[in-house]
Protein backbone atom coordinates (compact mmCIF):
# COMPACT_ATOMS: atom_id res chain seq x y z
CA ALA A 1 -46.43 -12.94 -1.85
CA VAL A 2 -43.43 -10.65 -2.22
CA ALA A 3 -42.38 -9.83 -5.76
CA PHE A 4 -38.73 -9.13 -6.46
CA ASP A 5 -37.61 -7.01 -9.37
CA PRO A 6 -35.10 -8.81 -11.58
CA VAL A 7 -31.50 -7.64 -11.42
CA THR A 8 -30.80 -5.26 -14.28
CA VAL A 9 -27.01 -4.85 -14.09
CA GLN A 10 -24.09 -7.19 -13.48
CA ALA A 11 -20.34 -6.48 -13.38
CA TRP A 12 -17.12 -8.44 -12.86
CA PHE A 13 -13.34 -8.09 -13.03
CA GLU A 14 -11.18 -10.41 -15.16
CA THR A 15 -9.70 -11.92 -11.99
CA THR A 16 -10.46 -12.02 -8.26
CA ALA A 17 -7.01 -10.87 -7.05
CA VAL A 18 -4.02 -9.00 -8.46
CA ASP A 19 -0.50 -8.19 -7.20
CA ILE A 20 0.57 -4.54 -7.03
CA GLU A 21 3.79 -2.81 -6.00
CA PRO A 22 3.48 0.37 -3.91
CA GLY A 23 4.37 3.37 -6.07
CA SER A 24 3.14 1.70 -9.27
CA SER A 25 -0.05 1.77 -11.33
CA ILE A 26 -2.09 -0.99 -12.94
CA VAL A 27 -5.14 -0.91 -15.18
CA LEU A 28 -7.88 -3.45 -14.48
CA LYS A 29 -10.65 -4.39 -16.91
CA LEU A 30 -14.22 -4.35 -15.57
CA THR A 31 -17.08 -5.77 -17.64
CA VAL A 32 -20.50 -4.16 -17.09
CA SER A 33 -23.57 -5.91 -18.50
CA ASN A 34 -27.08 -4.44 -18.89
CA LEU A 35 -29.37 -7.43 -18.20
CA ASP A 36 -32.52 -5.42 -18.93
CA THR A 37 -34.16 -5.22 -22.37
CA ALA A 38 -34.21 -1.40 -22.34
CA THR A 39 -31.35 1.06 -22.69
CA ASP A 40 -30.02 2.42 -19.40
CA SER A 41 -27.18 4.58 -18.13
CA PHE A 42 -24.93 3.61 -15.21
CA SER A 43 -22.73 5.53 -12.77
CA LEU A 44 -19.55 3.76 -11.67
CA ALA A 45 -17.60 4.69 -8.52
CA PRO A 46 -14.78 3.00 -6.58
CA VAL A 47 -15.55 1.86 -3.01
CA GLY A 48 -13.71 -0.04 -0.30
CA MET A 49 -10.35 0.28 1.44
CA ALA A 50 -8.52 1.09 -1.80
CA ALA A 51 -11.14 3.47 -3.26
CA ALA A 52 -8.84 6.51 -2.88
CA TRP A 53 -6.27 4.78 -5.10
CA ALA A 54 -8.69 4.03 -7.98
CA THR A 55 -10.07 5.95 -10.95
CA VAL A 56 -12.85 4.48 -13.14
CA ARG A 57 -12.81 5.49 -16.84
CA PRO A 58 -15.41 6.26 -17.95
CA ALA A 59 -17.33 6.86 -14.74
CA TYR A 60 -20.67 7.02 -16.59
CA ILE A 61 -21.79 4.70 -19.40
CA THR A 62 -24.96 4.04 -21.42
CA LEU A 63 -25.77 0.50 -22.60
CA PHE A 64 -28.48 -0.85 -24.87
CA GLY A 65 -30.59 -3.65 -23.42
CA GLY A 66 -28.58 -6.89 -23.34
CA ALA A 67 -25.31 -5.08 -24.16
CA GLN A 68 -22.09 -5.02 -22.21
CA SER A 69 -19.06 -2.77 -22.08
CA ILE A 70 -15.55 -2.94 -20.66
CA VAL A 71 -14.35 -0.01 -18.55
CA GLU A 72 -10.90 0.59 -17.13
CA VAL A 73 -10.15 0.89 -13.44
CA GLU A 74 -6.72 2.46 -12.93
CA VAL A 75 -5.19 1.79 -9.52
CA HIS A 76 -2.20 3.80 -8.28
CA THR A 77 -0.90 2.50 -4.97
CA PRO A 78 1.10 5.19 -3.14
CA ARG A 79 4.60 4.31 -1.92
CA LEU A 80 4.02 5.37 1.67
CA SER A 81 4.59 3.65 4.98
CA SER A 82 0.82 3.89 5.53
CA THR A 83 0.18 1.72 2.44
CA THR A 84 -0.04 -1.53 4.40
CA ALA A 85 1.33 -4.67 2.78
CA GLY A 86 -1.11 -7.52 2.20
CA PRO A 87 -4.65 -7.90 0.85
CA VAL A 88 -6.79 -4.79 0.38
CA SER A 89 -10.31 -4.81 -1.07
CA LEU A 90 -11.41 -2.64 -3.98
CA GLY A 91 -14.96 -2.50 -5.24
CA VAL A 92 -16.75 -0.66 -8.01
CA ARG A 93 -20.38 0.26 -7.35
CA ILE A 94 -22.58 0.36 -10.46
CA VAL A 95 -25.81 2.37 -10.08
CA PRO A 96 -28.46 2.24 -12.86
CA HIS A 97 -30.04 5.58 -13.75
CA LYS A 98 -33.56 4.12 -14.10
CA ASP A 99 -33.52 2.20 -10.81
CA PRO A 100 -30.88 3.60 -8.38
CA ASP A 101 -31.80 0.97 -5.78
CA ASP A 102 -30.68 -1.87 -8.08
CA VAL A 103 -26.98 -1.42 -7.30
CA ALA A 104 -24.34 -3.93 -8.44
CA LEU A 105 -20.92 -4.31 -6.89
CA ALA A 106 -17.82 -5.84 -8.49
CA GLU A 107 -14.94 -6.60 -6.14
CA ILE A 108 -11.28 -7.48 -6.46
CA THR A 109 -8.50 -8.04 -3.92
CA LEU A 110 -5.28 -6.05 -4.34
CA LEU A 111 -2.27 -7.89 -2.92
CA VAL A 112 0.02 -5.01 -1.93
CA ALA A 113 3.70 -6.01 -1.94
CA PRO A 114 5.95 -5.23 1.02
CA THR A 115 8.47 -2.38 0.78
CA PHE A 116 11.73 -2.26 2.70
CA ASP A 117 13.21 1.18 3.30
CA ARG A 118 15.22 1.62 6.50
CA ARG A 119 17.51 4.54 7.21
CA LEU A 120 20.11 5.20 9.87
CA THR A 121 21.05 8.83 10.58
CA ILE A 122 23.60 10.22 13.05
CA LEU A 123 21.82 12.90 15.10
CA GLN A 124 24.81 15.00 16.16
CA PRO A 125 27.70 16.39 14.14
CA ALA A 126 30.96 14.49 13.86
CA LEU A 127 33.04 14.29 17.03
CA ARG A 128 36.77 13.98 17.38
CA SER A 129 38.05 11.89 20.22
CA ARG A 130 41.20 9.96 20.99
CA ARG A 131 39.78 6.91 22.75
CA ARG A 132 35.97 6.95 23.11
CA ALA A 133 32.87 8.53 21.61
CA VAL A 134 29.11 8.20 22.06
CA TYR A 135 26.65 8.91 19.24
CA GLU A 136 22.89 8.88 19.01
CA MET A 137 21.45 7.51 15.81
CA LEU A 138 17.93 7.63 14.44
CA VAL A 139 16.54 4.42 12.91
CA GLU A 140 13.72 5.24 10.48
CA ASN A 141 11.31 2.78 8.86
CA LYS A 142 9.91 4.23 5.64
CA GLY A 143 8.70 0.79 4.48
CA ASN A 144 5.21 -0.66 4.92
CA LEU A 145 6.07 -3.56 7.28
CA GLN A 146 7.46 -3.57 10.79
CA ALA A 147 11.27 -3.38 10.63
CA HIS A 148 13.35 -5.66 12.83
CA CYS A 149 16.80 -4.09 12.74
CA GLN A 150 19.84 -5.85 14.16
CA LEU A 151 22.69 -3.33 14.47
CA HIS A 152 26.36 -4.28 13.99
CA LEU A 153 29.47 -2.13 13.74
CA ILE A 154 31.66 -2.87 10.75
CA ASP A 155 35.04 -1.14 10.66
CA PRO A 156 37.15 -2.34 7.71
CA THR A 157 40.24 -0.68 9.21
CA GLY A 158 40.00 -2.77 12.38
CA ARG A 159 40.80 0.26 14.57
CA LEU A 160 37.37 0.74 16.17
CA ASP A 161 35.07 -1.41 18.22
CA GLY A 162 31.68 -0.53 19.59
CA ARG A 163 28.34 -1.50 21.02
CA PHE A 164 24.79 -0.44 20.17
CA ASP A 165 22.24 0.16 22.91
CA PRO A 166 19.85 -1.46 22.25
CA PRO A 167 21.53 -3.95 19.87
CA ALA A 168 18.22 -4.51 18.01
CA ALA A 169 15.21 -2.32 17.32
CA GLY A 170 11.68 -2.98 16.13
CA VAL A 171 10.26 0.01 14.26
CA GLU A 172 6.67 0.29 13.02
CA PRO A 173 5.98 1.52 9.46
CA GLY A 174 6.52 5.29 9.37
CA GLY A 175 8.08 5.19 12.84
CA THR A 176 11.48 6.05 14.29
CA THR A 177 13.56 5.06 17.29
CA VAL A 178 16.80 6.37 18.78
CA VAL A 179 19.78 4.06 19.30
CA THR A 180 23.02 4.92 21.09
CA VAL A 181 26.36 3.67 19.79
CA ARG A 182 29.45 3.67 22.02
CA LEU A 183 32.73 3.57 20.10
CA TRP A 184 36.21 3.02 21.44
CA ASP A 185 39.70 2.51 20.14
CA ASP A 186 40.19 -1.23 19.69
CA GLN A 187 43.27 -0.99 21.91
CA VAL A 188 41.19 0.29 24.88
CA ALA A 189 38.77 -1.96 26.82
CA ALA A 190 35.09 -1.04 26.90
């Protein structure tokens, strides 16, 4: 017969999932319970895809037998194009000092919100021309989702017309693409 040691520590978050905006911080409450009858100390460390974004305070606690404590897990999600939108797992590993093999894990899902930050930059200095001009423009996606950009020329004076090549661009998060715009005087055919 195989004898199993009883579990001595248990931990859980208040909820199973939470929304978070890139560039912001949230504080999550984590309850840690010592199920043993004796006093023990516990080390707490973030694990998982979002571990680099999390800080556990305090990272080391001591609990009497049968006692529980609430610790704070601060999560700061960076506002970078590499901070992918969607669900990301975060765990906190709890290791008892007396029995380091009796590890507990509390998990939560962070629902990272999408960010939309697209920029259009003219690559060459301003040109002067009477009838036609060609410019190269850089389309940058600093958001965390693929950008589908449809490009249109808007001239409130009605004096210019133009065409983008290509007329639409798909740009990955953190990526760039070059687009050419051909401009002409509205009185001259393309």
